Amino acid sequence: MSKQRYPEQFKTEAVKQITERGHKVADVSARLGVSQHGLYE
């Protein structure tokens, strides 16, 4: 099984939504369709 790769800009924006805008990890992961674990990595 291979890991899905996301563009650097996608990852940066996802992290900004959590760290700078104060969104919850669960909300961002659901909205973007990625696992919470993936966001923490």
PDB file of N, CA and C in Angstrom:
ATOM      1  N   MET A   1       0.833  -1.166   0.000  1.00  0.00           N
ATOM      2  CA  MET A   1       0.000   0.000   0.000  1.00  0.00           C
ATOM      3  C   MET A   1       0.888   1.242   0.000  1.00  0.00           C
ATOM      4  N   SER A   2       0.580   2.195  -0.883  1.00  0.00           N
ATOM      5  CA  SER A   2       1.413   3.391  -0.973  1.00  0.00           C
ATOM      6  C   SER A   2       0.741   4.570  -0.286  1.00  0.00           C
ATOM      7  N   LYS A   3       1.561   5.441   0.249  1.00  0.00           N
ATOM      8  CA  LYS A   3       1.061   6.652   0.883  1.00  0.00           C
ATOM      9  C   LYS A   3       0.713   7.669  -0.184  1.00  0.00           C
ATOM     10  N   GLN A   4      -0.373   8.406   0.051  1.00  0.00           N
ATOM     11  CA  GLN A   4      -0.721   9.470  -0.879  1.00  0.00           C
ATOM     12  C   GLN A   4       0.156  10.677  -0.579  1.00  0.00           C
ATOM     13  N   ARG A   5       0.654  11.303  -1.620  1.00  0.00           N
ATOM     14  CA  ARG A   5       1.503  12.482  -1.475  1.00  0.00           C
ATOM     15  C   ARG A   5       0.674  13.728  -1.708  1.00  0.00           C
ATOM     16  N   TYR A   6       0.868  14.715  -0.879  1.00  0.00           N
ATOM     17  CA  TYR A   6       0.175  15.989  -1.027  1.00  0.00           C
ATOM     18  C   TYR A   6       1.197  17.071  -1.351  1.00  0.00           C
ATOM     19  N   PRO A   7       0.799  18.052  -2.173  1.00  0.00           N
ATOM     20  CA  PRO A   7       1.719  19.157  -2.482  1.00  0.00           C
ATOM     21  C   PRO A   7       2.084  19.921  -1.212  1.00  0.00           C
ATOM     22  N   GLU A   8       3.259  20.489  -1.209  1.00  0.00           N
ATOM     23  CA  GLU A   8       3.752  21.231  -0.045  1.00  0.00           C
ATOM     24  C   GLU A   8       2.795  22.364   0.341  1.00  0.00           C
ATOM     25  N   GLN A   9       2.252  23.046  -0.643  1.00  0.00           N
ATOM     26  CA  GLN A   9       1.332  24.151  -0.367  1.00  0.00           C
ATOM     27  C   GLN A   9       0.073  23.653   0.340  1.00  0.00           C
ATOM     28  N   PHE A  10      -0.431  22.488  -0.037  1.00  0.00           N
ATOM     29  CA  PHE A  10      -1.605  21.898   0.602  1.00  0.00           C
ATOM     30  C   PHE A  10      -1.321  21.641   2.077  1.00  0.00           C
ATOM     31  N   LYS A  11      -0.155  21.047   2.346  1.00  0.00           N
ATOM     32  CA  LYS A  11       0.206  20.728   3.731  1.00  0.00           C
ATOM     33  C   LYS A  11       0.402  21.995   4.558  1.00  0.00           C
ATOM     34  N   THR A  12       1.053  22.982   3.980  1.00  0.00           N
ATOM     35  CA  THR A  12       1.292  24.241   4.687  1.00  0.00           C
ATOM     36  C   THR A  12      -0.020  24.927   5.030  1.00  0.00           C
ATOM     37  N   GLU A  13      -0.939  24.966   4.085  1.00  0.00           N
ATOM     38  CA  GLU A  13      -2.229  25.615   4.323  1.00  0.00           C
ATOM     39  C   GLU A  13      -3.040  24.868   5.383  1.00  0.00           C
ATOM     40  N   ALA A  14      -2.985  23.547   5.368  1.00  0.00           N
ATOM     41  CA  ALA A  14      -3.708  22.753   6.367  1.00  0.00           C
ATOM     42  C   ALA A  14      -3.187  23.063   7.769  1.00  0.00           C
ATOM     43  N   VAL A  15      -1.887  23.137   7.915  1.00  0.00           N
ATOM     44  CA  VAL A  15      -1.289  23.431   9.220  1.00  0.00           C
ATOM     45  C   VAL A  15      -1.624  24.856   9.657  1.00  0.00           C
ATOM     46  N   LYS A  16      -1.623  25.807   8.734  1.00  0.00           N
ATOM     47  CA  LYS A  16      -1.966  27.194   9.070  1.00  0.00           C
ATOM     48  C   LYS A  16      -3.393  27.305   9.591  1.00  0.00           C
ATOM     49  N   GLN A  17      -4.298  26.514   9.011  1.00  0.00           N
ATOM     50  CA  GLN A  17      -5.686  26.555   9.470  1.00  0.00           C
ATOM     51  C   GLN A  17      -5.775  26.183  10.948  1.00  0.00           C
ATOM     52  N   ILE A  18      -4.887  25.331  11.390  1.00  0.00           N
ATOM     53  CA  ILE A  18      -4.897  24.882  12.786  1.00  0.00           C
ATOM     54  C   ILE A  18      -4.102  25.840  13.672  1.00  0.00           C
ATOM     55  N   THR A  19      -2.882  26.137  13.272  1.00  0.00           N
ATOM     56  CA  THR A  19      -1.989  26.909  14.142  1.00  0.00           C
ATOM     57  C   THR A  19      -2.262  28.405  14.149  1.00  0.00           C
ATOM     58  N   GLU A  20      -2.640  28.968  13.003  1.00  0.00           N
ATOM     59  CA  GLU A  20      -2.821  30.417  12.926  1.00  0.00           C
ATOM     60  C   GLU A  20      -4.277  30.846  13.031  1.00  0.00           C
ATOM     61  N   ARG A  21      -5.170  30.025  12.523  1.00  0.00           N
ATOM     62  CA  ARG A  21      -6.583  30.420  12.499  1.00  0.00           C
ATOM     63  C   ARG A  21      -7.399  29.790  13.608  1.00  0.00           C
ATOM     64  N   GLY A  22      -6.788  28.859  14.345  1.00  0.00           N
ATOM     65  CA  GLY A  22      -7.440  28.283  15.513  1.00  0.00           C
ATOM     66  C   GLY A  22      -8.495  27.230  15.238  1.00  0.00           C
ATOM     67  N   HIS A  23      -8.496  26.647  14.029  1.00  0.00           N
ATOM     68  CA  HIS A  23      -9.459  25.588  13.733  1.00  0.00           C
ATOM     69  C   HIS A  23      -9.025  24.305  14.418  1.00  0.00           C
ATOM     70  N   LYS A  24      -9.984  23.449  14.745  1.00  0.00           N
ATOM     71  CA  LYS A  24      -9.674  22.173  15.377  1.00  0.00           C
ATOM     72  C   LYS A  24      -9.148  21.187  14.342  1.00  0.00           C
ATOM     73  N   VAL A  25      -8.226  20.325  14.774  1.00  0.00           N
ATOM     74  CA  VAL A  25      -7.632  19.321  13.894  1.00  0.00           C
ATOM     75  C   VAL A  25      -8.730  18.450  13.282  1.00  0.00           C
ATOM     76  N   ALA A  26      -9.699  18.039  14.084  1.00  0.00           N
ATOM     77  CA  ALA A  26     -10.777  17.177  13.591  1.00  0.00           C
ATOM     78  C   ALA A  26     -11.565  17.867  12.483  1.00  0.00           C
ATOM     79  N   ASP A  27     -11.821  19.155  12.634  1.00  0.00           N
ATOM     80  CA  ASP A  27     -12.579  19.896  11.627  1.00  0.00           C
ATOM     81  C   ASP A  27     -11.801  20.021  10.323  1.00  0.00           C
ATOM     82  N   VAL A  28     -10.529  20.359  10.434  1.00  0.00           N
ATOM     83  CA  VAL A  28      -9.695  20.523   9.239  1.00  0.00           C
ATOM     84  C   VAL A  28      -9.530  19.185   8.522  1.00  0.00           C
ATOM     85  N   SER A  29      -9.294  18.130   9.261  1.00  0.00           N
ATOM     86  CA  SER A  29      -9.099  16.825   8.620  1.00  0.00           C
ATOM     87  C   SER A  29     -10.369  16.374   7.908  1.00  0.00           C
ATOM     88  N   ALA A  30     -11.527  16.604   8.513  1.00  0.00           N
ATOM     89  CA  ALA A  30     -12.790  16.230   7.868  1.00  0.00           C
ATOM     90  C   ALA A  30     -13.024  17.062   6.613  1.00  0.00           C
ATOM     91  N   ARG A  31     -12.762  18.341   6.697  1.00  0.00           N
ATOM     92  CA  ARG A  31     -12.984  19.236   5.558  1.00  0.00           C
ATOM     93  C   ARG A  31     -12.057  18.899   4.385  1.00  0.00           C
ATOM     94  N   LEU A  32     -10.824  18.531   4.687  1.00  0.00           N
ATOM     95  CA  LEU A  32      -9.851  18.255   3.629  1.00  0.00           C
ATOM     96  C   LEU A  32      -9.823  16.793   3.193  1.00  0.00           C
ATOM     97  N   GLY A  33     -10.470  15.933   3.961  1.00  0.00           N
ATOM     98  CA  GLY A  33     -10.505  14.521   3.609  1.00  0.00           C
ATOM     99  C   GLY A  33      -9.215  13.786   3.906  1.00  0.00           C
ATOM    100  N   VAL A  34      -8.523  14.208   4.948  1.00  0.00           N
ATOM    101  CA  VAL A  34      -7.300  13.517   5.374  1.00  0.00           C
ATOM    102  C   VAL A  34      -7.484  13.076   6.827  1.00  0.00           C
ATOM    103  N   SER A  35      -6.675  12.127   7.244  1.00  0.00           N
ATOM    104  CA  SER A  35      -6.798  11.647   8.624  1.00  0.00           C
ATOM    105  C   SER A  35      -6.211  12.654   9.607  1.00  0.00           C
ATOM    106  N   GLN A  36      -6.712  12.622  10.815  1.00  0.00           N
ATOM    107  CA  GLN A  36      -6.148  13.479  11.859  1.00  0.00           C
ATOM    108  C   GLN A  36      -4.692  13.120  12.089  1.00  0.00           C
ATOM    109  N   HIS A  37      -4.389  11.838  12.066  1.00  0.00           N
ATOM    110  CA  HIS A  37      -3.012  11.378  12.255  1.00  0.00           C
ATOM    111  C   HIS A  37      -2.098  11.991  11.193  1.00  0.00           C
ATOM    112  N   GLY A  38      -2.596  12.052   9.976  1.00  0.00           N
ATOM    113  CA  GLY A  38      -1.813  12.626   8.886  1.00  0.00           C
ATOM    114  C   GLY A  38      -1.491  14.093   9.122  1.00  0.00           C
ATOM    115  N   LEU A  39      -2.418  14.813   9.716  1.00  0.00           N
ATOM    116  CA  LEU A  39      -2.170  16.227  10.009  1.00  0.00           C
ATOM    117  C   LEU A  39      -1.145  16.378  11.128  1.00  0.00           C
ATOM    118  N   TYR A  40      -1.200  15.493  12.100  1.00  0.00           N
ATOM    119  CA  TYR A  40      -0.221  15.583  13.180  1.00  0.00           C
ATOM    120  C   TYR A  40       1.182  15.259  12.707  1.00  0.00           C
ATOM    121  N   GLU A  41       1.291  14.404  11.700  1.00  0.00           N
ATOM    122  CA  GLU A  41       2.624  14.064  11.178  1.00  0.00           C
ATOM    123  C   GLU A  41       3.192  15.258  10.462  1.00  0.00           C
TER     124      GLU A  41
END
